Amino acid sequence: MDYLKLFNEIIKVATPLNSNKAEATSLEQLLADTGLDSLDLLMVGIYLAEIFGVSEEIAKQVQAKTVGEMINYMHFNRTKEPASVEEAIKGIQ
């Protein structure tokens, strides 16, 4: 799965107006450099947890600094795995 594409598609759902044009350009990018504010990052984390079936208790413990670290944390603690980015996004819309 293209996790960078997944992250950017989640941004579109989490920030439908996206007036600051937030975007992740690489998995190594710092979350602080994506253009997302703290509430937006919280929403992205909630959606990632939902997509991967991570419990709220475990999801709250994420301490990621980069896009990749956030995705890796959710992936490591997953209870489900969507087959595609499109399937993942359908599940949260």
PDB file of N, CA and C in Angstrom:
ATOM      1  N   MET A   1       0.841  -1.177   0.000  1.00  0.00           N
ATOM      2  CA  MET A   1       0.000   0.000   0.000  1.00  0.00           C
ATOM      3  C   MET A   1       0.888   1.244   0.000  1.00  0.00           C
ATOM      4  N   ASP A   2       0.442   2.247  -0.683  1.00  0.00           N
ATOM      5  CA  ASP A   2       1.148   3.523  -0.746  1.00  0.00           C
ATOM      6  C   ASP A   2       0.739   4.358   0.474  1.00  0.00           C
ATOM      7  N   TYR A   3       1.544   4.288   1.539  1.00  0.00           N
ATOM      8  CA  TYR A   3       1.184   4.940   2.787  1.00  0.00           C
ATOM      9  C   TYR A   3       1.233   6.464   2.706  1.00  0.00           C
ATOM     10  N   LEU A   4       2.074   7.007   1.853  1.00  0.00           N
ATOM     11  CA  LEU A   4       2.099   8.452   1.670  1.00  0.00           C
ATOM     12  C   LEU A   4       0.789   8.917   1.029  1.00  0.00           C
ATOM     13  N   LYS A   5       0.331   8.180   0.034  1.00  0.00           N
ATOM     14  CA  LYS A   5      -0.952   8.503  -0.607  1.00  0.00           C
ATOM     15  C   LYS A   5      -2.078   8.376   0.413  1.00  0.00           C
ATOM     16  N   LEU A   6      -2.047   7.329   1.220  1.00  0.00           N
ATOM     17  CA  LEU A   6      -3.061   7.140   2.253  1.00  0.00           C
ATOM     18  C   LEU A   6      -3.097   8.343   3.193  1.00  0.00           C
ATOM     19  N   PHE A   7      -1.932   8.769   3.657  1.00  0.00           N
ATOM     20  CA  PHE A   7      -1.856   9.896   4.584  1.00  0.00           C
ATOM     21  C   PHE A   7      -2.456  11.144   3.948  1.00  0.00           C
ATOM     22  N   ASN A   8      -2.123  11.410   2.699  1.00  0.00           N
ATOM     23  CA  ASN A   8      -2.647  12.594   2.018  1.00  0.00           C
ATOM     24  C   ASN A   8      -4.144  12.498   1.754  1.00  0.00           C
ATOM     25  N   GLU A   9      -4.651  11.313   1.491  1.00  0.00           N
ATOM     26  CA  GLU A   9      -6.095  11.145   1.314  1.00  0.00           C
ATOM     27  C   GLU A   9      -6.820  11.356   2.643  1.00  0.00           C
ATOM     28  N   ILE A  10      -6.214  10.929   3.737  1.00  0.00           N
ATOM     29  CA  ILE A  10      -6.802  11.163   5.057  1.00  0.00           C
ATOM     30  C   ILE A  10      -6.824  12.659   5.356  1.00  0.00           C
ATOM     31  N   ILE A  11      -5.776  13.376   4.973  1.00  0.00           N
ATOM     32  CA  ILE A  11      -5.767  14.831   5.155  1.00  0.00           C
ATOM     33  C   ILE A  11      -6.987  15.450   4.475  1.00  0.00           C
ATOM     34  N   LYS A  12      -7.308  14.990   3.284  1.00  0.00           N
ATOM     35  CA  LYS A  12      -8.462  15.534   2.550  1.00  0.00           C
ATOM     36  C   LYS A  12      -9.767  15.306   3.305  1.00  0.00           C
ATOM     37  N   VAL A  13      -9.886  14.156   3.969  1.00  0.00           N
ATOM     38  CA  VAL A  13     -11.096  13.848   4.732  1.00  0.00           C
ATOM     39  C   VAL A  13     -11.105  14.627   6.045  1.00  0.00           C
ATOM     40  N   ALA A  14      -9.965  14.683   6.710  1.00  0.00           N
ATOM     41  CA  ALA A  14      -9.864  15.316   8.027  1.00  0.00           C
ATOM     42  C   ALA A  14      -9.954  16.836   7.954  1.00  0.00           C
ATOM     43  N   THR A  15      -9.519  17.399   6.848  1.00  0.00           N
ATOM     44  CA  THR A  15      -9.517  18.860   6.688  1.00  0.00           C
ATOM     45  C   THR A  15     -10.153  19.211   5.351  1.00  0.00           C
ATOM     46  N   PRO A  16     -11.480  19.062   5.251  1.00  0.00           N
ATOM     47  CA  PRO A  16     -12.120  19.237   3.946  1.00  0.00           C
ATOM     48  C   PRO A  16     -11.911  20.615   3.315  1.00  0.00           C
ATOM     49  N   LEU A  17     -11.747  21.643   4.105  1.00  0.00           N
ATOM     50  CA  LEU A  17     -11.512  22.972   3.532  1.00  0.00           C
ATOM     51  C   LEU A  17     -10.042  23.184   3.200  1.00  0.00           C
ATOM     52  N   ASN A  18      -9.158  22.582   3.990  1.00  0.00           N
ATOM     53  CA  ASN A  18      -7.705  22.581   3.774  1.00  0.00           C
ATOM     54  C   ASN A  18      -7.193  23.897   3.179  1.00  0.00           C
ATOM     55  N   SER A  19      -7.538  24.974   3.842  1.00  0.00           N
ATOM     56  CA  SER A  19      -7.168  26.300   3.340  1.00  0.00           C
ATOM     57  C   SER A  19      -5.660  26.541   3.320  1.00  0.00           C
ATOM     58  N   ASN A  20      -4.915  25.816   4.155  1.00  0.00           N
ATOM     59  CA  ASN A  20      -3.465  26.017   4.168  1.00  0.00           C
ATOM     60  C   ASN A  20      -2.736  25.019   3.275  1.00  0.00           C
ATOM     61  N   LYS A  21      -3.479  24.237   2.496  1.00  0.00           N
ATOM     62  CA  LYS A  21      -2.906  23.285   1.534  1.00  0.00           C
ATOM     63  C   LYS A  21      -1.927  22.315   2.186  1.00  0.00           C
ATOM     64  N   ALA A  22      -2.332  21.748   3.318  1.00  0.00           N
ATOM     65  CA  ALA A  22      -1.498  20.768   4.012  1.00  0.00           C
ATOM     66  C   ALA A  22      -1.261  19.558   3.119  1.00  0.00           C
ATOM     67  N   GLU A  23      -0.036  19.040   3.185  1.00  0.00           N
ATOM     68  CA  GLU A  23       0.329  17.879   2.380  1.00  0.00           C
ATOM     69  C   GLU A  23       1.608  17.266   2.922  1.00  0.00           C
ATOM     70  N   ALA A  24       1.663  15.953   2.846  1.00  0.00           N
ATOM     71  CA  ALA A  24       2.889  15.238   3.189  1.00  0.00           C
ATOM     72  C   ALA A  24       3.607  14.914   1.885  1.00  0.00           C
ATOM     73  N   THR A  25       4.895  15.216   1.837  1.00  0.00           N
ATOM     74  CA  THR A  25       5.667  14.974   0.617  1.00  0.00           C
ATOM     75  C   THR A  25       6.563  13.757   0.720  1.00  0.00           C
ATOM     76  N   SER A  26       6.766  13.254   1.942  1.00  0.00           N
ATOM     77  CA  SER A  26       7.550  12.032   2.134  1.00  0.00           C
ATOM     78  C   SER A  26       7.224  11.448   3.496  1.00  0.00           C
ATOM     79  N   LEU A  27       7.536  10.175   3.675  1.00  0.00           N
ATOM     80  CA  LEU A  27       7.314   9.533   4.961  1.00  0.00           C
ATOM     81  C   LEU A  27       8.291  10.040   6.018  1.00  0.00           C
ATOM     82  N   GLU A  28       9.402  10.625   5.578  1.00  0.00           N
ATOM     83  CA  GLU A  28      10.404  11.151   6.504  1.00  0.00           C
ATOM     84  C   GLU A  28      10.087  12.576   6.944  1.00  0.00           C
ATOM     85  N   GLN A  29       9.072  13.187   6.348  1.00  0.00           N
ATOM     86  CA  GLN A  29       8.718  14.566   6.656  1.00  0.00           C
ATOM     87  C   GLN A  29       8.226  14.684   8.095  1.00  0.00           C
ATOM     88  N   LEU A  30       8.665  15.729   8.775  1.00  0.00           N
ATOM     89  CA  LEU A  30       8.178  15.996  10.123  1.00  0.00           C
ATOM     90  C   LEU A  30       6.701  16.337  10.061  1.00  0.00           C
ATOM     91  N   LEU A  31       5.923  15.819  10.997  1.00  0.00           N
ATOM     92  CA  LEU A  31       4.502  16.129  11.043  1.00  0.00           C
ATOM     93  C   LEU A  31       4.284  17.637  11.151  1.00  0.00           C
ATOM     94  N   ALA A  32       5.165  18.308  11.881  1.00  0.00           N
ATOM     95  CA  ALA A  32       5.062  19.759  12.051  1.00  0.00           C
ATOM     96  C   ALA A  32       5.236  20.511  10.741  1.00  0.00           C
ATOM     97  N   ASP A  33       5.858  19.880   9.750  1.00  0.00           N
ATOM     98  CA  ASP A  33       6.109  20.536   8.462  1.00  0.00           C
ATOM     99  C   ASP A  33       5.062  20.202   7.396  1.00  0.00           C
ATOM    100  N   THR A  34       4.005  19.490   7.777  1.00  0.00           N
ATOM    101  CA  THR A  34       2.973  19.117   6.806  1.00  0.00           C
ATOM    102  C   THR A  34       1.952  20.217   6.580  1.00  0.00           C
ATOM    103  N   GLY A  35       1.925  21.207   7.468  1.00  0.00           N
ATOM    104  CA  GLY A  35       0.928  22.266   7.379  1.00  0.00           C
ATOM    105  C   GLY A  35      -0.322  21.975   8.182  1.00  0.00           C
ATOM    106  N   LEU A  36      -0.334  20.843   8.889  1.00  0.00           N
ATOM    107  CA  LEU A  36      -1.478  20.482   9.723  1.00  0.00           C
ATOM    108  C   LEU A  36      -1.325  21.093  11.109  1.00  0.00           C
ATOM    109  N   ASP A  37      -2.418  21.632  11.651  1.00  0.00           N
ATOM    110  CA  ASP A  37      -2.344  22.123  13.028  1.00  0.00           C
ATOM    111  C   ASP A  37      -2.617  20.948  13.975  1.00  0.00           C
ATOM    112  N   SER A  38      -2.591  21.200  15.265  1.00  0.00           N
ATOM    113  CA  SER A  38      -2.709  20.106  16.234  1.00  0.00           C
ATOM    114  C   SER A  38      -4.056  19.399  16.146  1.00  0.00           C
ATOM    115  N   LEU A  39      -5.135  20.127  15.909  1.00  0.00           N
ATOM    116  CA  LEU A  39      -6.446  19.483  15.770  1.00  0.00           C
ATOM    117  C   LEU A  39      -6.500  18.626  14.509  1.00  0.00           C
ATOM    118  N   ASP A  40      -5.931  19.136  13.421  1.00  0.00           N
ATOM    119  CA  ASP A  40      -5.884  18.361  12.182  1.00  0.00           C
ATOM    120  C   ASP A  40      -5.096  17.067  12.382  1.00  0.00           C
ATOM    121  N   LEU A  41      -3.961  17.156  13.065  1.00  0.00           N
ATOM    122  CA  LEU A  41      -3.148  15.962  13.329  1.00  0.00           C
ATOM    123  C   LEU A  41      -3.901  14.959  14.194  1.00  0.00           C
ATOM    124  N   LEU A  42      -4.653  15.461  15.149  1.00  0.00           N
ATOM    125  CA  LEU A  42      -5.463  14.587  15.983  1.00  0.00           C
ATOM    126  C   LEU A  42      -6.476  13.833  15.122  1.00  0.00           C
ATOM    127  N   MET A  43      -7.142  14.550  14.230  1.00  0.00           N
ATOM    128  CA  MET A  43      -8.130  13.918  13.351  1.00  0.00           C
ATOM    129  C   MET A  43      -7.474  12.889  12.424  1.00  0.00           C
ATOM    130  N   VAL A  44      -6.314  13.221  11.872  1.00  0.00           N
ATOM    131  CA  VAL A  44      -5.595  12.267  11.015  1.00  0.00           C
ATOM    132  C   VAL A  44      -5.258  11.011  11.815  1.00  0.00           C
ATOM    133  N   GLY A  45      -4.807  11.188  13.049  1.00  0.00           N
ATOM    134  CA  GLY A  45      -4.497  10.045  13.910  1.00  0.00           C
ATOM    135  C   GLY A  45      -5.713   9.195  14.204  1.00  0.00           C
ATOM    136  N   ILE A  46      -6.852   9.842  14.449  1.00  0.00           N
ATOM    137  CA  ILE A  46      -8.096   9.105  14.714  1.00  0.00           C
ATOM    138  C   ILE A  46      -8.483   8.286  13.490  1.00  0.00           C
ATOM    139  N   TYR A  47      -8.387   8.895  12.306  1.00  0.00           N
ATOM    140  CA  TYR A  47      -8.728   8.167  11.084  1.00  0.00           C
ATOM    141  C   TYR A  47      -7.758   7.015  10.820  1.00  0.00           C
ATOM    142  N   LEU A  48      -6.469   7.232  11.049  1.00  0.00           N
ATOM    143  CA  LEU A  48      -5.501   6.139  10.874  1.00  0.00           C
ATOM    144  C   LEU A  48      -5.818   4.989  11.824  1.00  0.00           C
ATOM    145  N   ALA A  49      -6.133   5.324  13.070  1.00  0.00           N
ATOM    146  CA  ALA A  49      -6.472   4.291  14.049  1.00  0.00           C
ATOM    147  C   ALA A  49      -7.701   3.516  13.605  1.00  0.00           C
ATOM    148  N   GLU A  50      -8.696   4.227  13.081  1.00  0.00           N
ATOM    149  CA  GLU A  50      -9.905   3.563  12.602  1.00  0.00           C
ATOM    150  C   GLU A  50      -9.599   2.649  11.413  1.00  0.00           C
ATOM    151  N   ILE A  51      -8.805   3.126  10.488  1.00  0.00           N
ATOM    152  CA  ILE A  51      -8.455   2.347   9.298  1.00  0.00           C
ATOM    153  C   ILE A  51      -7.732   1.057   9.672  1.00  0.00           C
ATOM    154  N   PHE A  52      -6.813   1.147  10.633  1.00  0.00           N
ATOM    155  CA  PHE A  52      -6.015  -0.017  11.011  1.00  0.00           C
ATOM    156  C   PHE A  52      -6.579  -0.786  12.212  1.00  0.00           C
ATOM    157  N   GLY A  53      -7.721  -0.343  12.741  1.00  0.00           N
ATOM    158  CA  GLY A  53      -8.345  -1.054  13.850  1.00  0.00           C
ATOM    159  C   GLY A  53      -7.553  -0.968  15.142  1.00  0.00           C
ATOM    160  N   VAL A  54      -6.926   0.180  15.372  1.00  0.00           N
ATOM    161  CA  VAL A  54      -6.131   0.386  16.592  1.00  0.00           C
ATOM    162  C   VAL A  54      -7.050   0.960  17.670  1.00  0.00           C
ATOM    163  N   SER A  55      -6.996   0.391  18.852  1.00  0.00           N
ATOM    164  CA  SER A  55      -7.861   0.863  19.938  1.00  0.00           C
ATOM    165  C   SER A  55      -7.496   2.296  20.317  1.00  0.00           C
ATOM    166  N   GLU A  56      -8.483   2.991  20.851  1.00  0.00           N
ATOM    167  CA  GLU A  56      -8.270   4.387  21.263  1.00  0.00           C
ATOM    168  C   GLU A  56      -7.155   4.484  22.309  1.00  0.00           C
ATOM    169  N   GLU A  57      -7.144   3.535  23.237  1.00  0.00           N
ATOM    170  CA  GLU A  57      -6.129   3.542  24.299  1.00  0.00           C
ATOM    171  C   GLU A  57      -4.711   3.468  23.720  1.00  0.00           C
ATOM    172  N   ILE A  58      -4.516   2.598  22.750  1.00  0.00           N
ATOM    173  CA  ILE A  58      -3.197   2.453  22.125  1.00  0.00           C
ATOM    174  C   ILE A  58      -2.896   3.648  21.220  1.00  0.00           C
ATOM    175  N   ALA A  59      -3.884   4.098  20.479  1.00  0.00           N
ATOM    176  CA  ALA A  59      -3.678   5.220  19.556  1.00  0.00           C
ATOM    177  C   ALA A  59      -3.256   6.482  20.294  1.00  0.00           C
ATOM    178  N   LYS A  60      -3.772   6.684  21.502  1.00  0.00           N
ATOM    179  CA  LYS A  60      -3.425   7.882  22.295  1.00  0.00           C
ATOM    180  C   LYS A  60      -1.947   7.919  22.667  1.00  0.00           C
ATOM    181  N   GLN A  61      -1.291   6.772  22.626  1.00  0.00           N
ATOM    182  CA  GLN A  61       0.102   6.695  23.065  1.00  0.00           C
ATOM    183  C   GLN A  61       1.113   7.011  21.968  1.00  0.00           C
ATOM    184  N   VAL A  62       0.642   7.279  20.760  1.00  0.00           N
ATOM    185  CA  VAL A  62       1.557   7.554  19.654  1.00  0.00           C
ATOM    186  C   VAL A  62       2.376   8.812  19.961  1.00  0.00           C
ATOM    187  N   GLN A  63       3.667   8.733  19.715  1.00  0.00           N
ATOM    188  CA  GLN A  63       4.567   9.860  19.929  1.00  0.00           C
ATOM    189  C   GLN A  63       5.426  10.059  18.690  1.00  0.00           C
ATOM    190  N   ALA A  64       4.774  10.105  17.559  1.00  0.00           N
ATOM    191  CA  ALA A  64       5.470  10.199  16.282  1.00  0.00           C
ATOM    192  C   ALA A  64       5.931  11.625  16.004  1.00  0.00           C
ATOM    193  N   LYS A  65       7.074  11.712  15.351  1.00  0.00           N
ATOM    194  CA  LYS A  65       7.596  13.003  14.907  1.00  0.00           C
ATOM    195  C   LYS A  65       7.479  13.147  13.392  1.00  0.00           C
ATOM    196  N   THR A  66       7.437  12.009  12.686  1.00  0.00           N
ATOM    197  CA  THR A  66       7.353  12.053  11.225  1.00  0.00           C
ATOM    198  C   THR A  66       6.082  11.346  10.748  1.00  0.00           C
ATOM    199  N   VAL A  67       5.745  11.586   9.499  1.00  0.00           N
ATOM    200  CA  VAL A  67       4.604  10.924   8.877  1.00  0.00           C
ATOM    201  C   VAL A  67       4.789   9.408   8.951  1.00  0.00           C
ATOM    202  N   GLY A  68       5.961   8.939   8.592  1.00  0.00           N
ATOM    203  CA  GLY A  68       6.241   7.507   8.600  1.00  0.00           C
ATOM    204  C   GLY A  68       6.145   6.885   9.979  1.00  0.00           C
ATOM    205  N   GLU A  69       6.623   7.587  11.003  1.00  0.00           N
ATOM    206  CA  GLU A  69       6.536   7.070  12.369  1.00  0.00           C
ATOM    207  C   GLU A  69       5.080   6.905  12.795  1.00  0.00           C
ATOM    208  N   MET A  70       4.236   7.857  12.416  1.00  0.00           N
ATOM    209  CA  MET A  70       2.820   7.768  12.772  1.00  0.00           C
ATOM    210  C   MET A  70       2.173   6.566  12.086  1.00  0.00           C
ATOM    211  N   ILE A  71       2.445   6.419  10.814  1.00  0.00           N
ATOM    212  CA  ILE A  71       1.873   5.295  10.078  1.00  0.00           C
ATOM    213  C   ILE A  71       2.432   3.973  10.593  1.00  0.00           C
ATOM    214  N   ASN A  72       3.732   3.910  10.828  1.00  0.00           N
ATOM    215  CA  ASN A  72       4.345   2.676  11.336  1.00  0.00           C
ATOM    216  C   ASN A  72       3.768   2.268  12.691  1.00  0.00           C
ATOM    217  N   TYR A  73       3.522   3.244  13.566  1.00  0.00           N
ATOM    218  CA  TYR A  73       2.953   2.955  14.877  1.00  0.00           C
ATOM    219  C   TYR A  73       1.573   2.324  14.724  1.00  0.00           C
ATOM    220  N   MET A  74       0.747   2.934  13.891  1.00  0.00           N
ATOM    221  CA  MET A  74      -0.603   2.409  13.673  1.00  0.00           C
ATOM    222  C   MET A  74      -0.548   1.036  12.996  1.00  0.00           C
ATOM    223  N   HIS A  75       0.348   0.896  12.037  1.00  0.00           N
ATOM    224  CA  HIS A  75       0.478  -0.372  11.323  1.00  0.00           C
ATOM    225  C   HIS A  75       0.956  -1.480  12.268  1.00  0.00           C
ATOM    226  N   PHE A  76       1.899  -1.172  13.126  1.00  0.00           N
ATOM    227  CA  PHE A  76       2.434  -2.152  14.076  1.00  0.00           C
ATOM    228  C   PHE A  76       1.343  -2.638  15.039  1.00  0.00           C
ATOM    229  N   ASN A  77       0.442  -1.737  15.426  1.00  0.00           N
ATOM    230  CA  ASN A  77      -0.597  -2.061  16.407  1.00  0.00           C
ATOM    231  C   ASN A  77      -1.933  -2.414  15.758  1.00  0.00           C
ATOM    232  N   ARG A  78      -1.934  -2.661  14.484  1.00  0.00           N
ATOM    233  CA  ARG A  78      -3.173  -2.901  13.730  1.00  0.00           C
ATOM    234  C   ARG A  78      -3.855  -4.208  14.117  1.00  0.00           C
ATOM    235  N   THR A  79      -5.173  -4.199  13.939  1.00  0.00           N
ATOM    236  CA  THR A  79      -5.965  -5.421  14.050  1.00  0.00           C
ATOM    237  C   THR A  79      -6.627  -5.729  12.709  1.00  0.00           C
ATOM    238  N   LYS A  80      -6.472  -4.809  11.759  1.00  0.00           N
ATOM    239  CA  LYS A  80      -6.973  -5.041  10.409  1.00  0.00           C
ATOM    240  C   LYS A  80      -6.096  -4.285   9.416  1.00  0.00           C
ATOM    241  N   GLU A  81      -6.189  -4.709   8.168  1.00  0.00           N
ATOM    242  CA  GLU A  81      -5.372  -4.122   7.102  1.00  0.00           C
ATOM    243  C   GLU A  81      -6.246  -3.947   5.863  1.00  0.00           C
ATOM    244  N   PRO A  82      -6.500  -2.705   5.460  1.00  0.00           N
ATOM    245  CA  PRO A  82      -7.283  -2.511   4.238  1.00  0.00           C
ATOM    246  C   PRO A  82      -6.490  -2.974   3.017  1.00  0.00           C
ATOM    247  N   ALA A  83      -7.205  -3.411   2.004  1.00  0.00           N
ATOM    248  CA  ALA A  83      -6.557  -3.922   0.797  1.00  0.00           C
ATOM    249  C   ALA A  83      -5.972  -2.810  -0.070  1.00  0.00           C
ATOM    250  N   SER A  84      -6.543  -1.613   0.035  1.00  0.00           N
ATOM    251  CA  SER A  84      -6.084  -0.520  -0.819  1.00  0.00           C
ATOM    252  C   SER A  84      -6.360   0.818  -0.144  1.00  0.00           C
ATOM    253  N   VAL A  85      -5.757   1.857  -0.678  1.00  0.00           N
ATOM    254  CA  VAL A  85      -6.009   3.215  -0.183  1.00  0.00           C
ATOM    255  C   VAL A  85      -7.491   3.544  -0.364  1.00  0.00           C
ATOM    256  N   GLU A  86      -8.040   3.190  -1.508  1.00  0.00           N
ATOM    257  CA  GLU A  86      -9.441   3.481  -1.787  1.00  0.00           C
ATOM    258  C   GLU A  86     -10.370   2.801  -0.779  1.00  0.00           C
ATOM    259  N   GLU A  87     -10.087   1.544  -0.463  1.00  0.00           N
ATOM    260  CA  GLU A  87     -10.889   0.823   0.531  1.00  0.00           C
ATOM    261  C   GLU A  87     -10.761   1.488   1.898  1.00  0.00           C
ATOM    262  N   ALA A  88      -9.571   1.893   2.259  1.00  0.00           N
ATOM    263  CA  ALA A  88      -9.333   2.544   3.542  1.00  0.00           C
ATOM    264  C   ALA A  88     -10.129   3.837   3.646  1.00  0.00           C
ATOM    265  N   ILE A  89     -10.115   4.643   2.620  1.00  0.00           N
ATOM    266  CA  ILE A  89     -10.813   5.917   2.643  1.00  0.00           C
ATOM    267  C   ILE A  89     -12.327   5.722   2.649  1.00  0.00           C
ATOM    268  N   LYS A  90     -12.816   4.737   1.920  1.00  0.00           N
ATOM    269  CA  LYS A  90     -14.263   4.445   1.942  1.00  0.00           C
ATOM    270  C   LYS A  90     -14.734   4.125   3.351  1.00  0.00           C
ATOM    271  N   GLY A  91     -13.876   3.452   4.114  1.00  0.00           N
ATOM    272  CA  GLY A  91     -14.230   3.047   5.474  1.00  0.00           C
ATOM    273  C   GLY A  91     -14.352   4.191   6.462  1.00  0.00           C
ATOM    274  N   ILE A  92     -13.824   5.369   6.130  1.00  0.00           N
ATOM    275  CA  ILE A  92     -13.892   6.501   7.050  1.00  0.00           C
ATOM    276  C   ILE A  92     -14.787   7.628   6.555  1.00  0.00           C
ATOM    277  N   GLN A  93     -15.324   7.484   5.377  1.00  0.00           N
ATOM    278  CA  GLN A  93     -16.177   8.556   4.850  1.00  0.00           C
ATOM    279  C   GLN A  93     -17.618   8.344   5.227  1.00  0.00           C
TER     280      GLN A  93
END
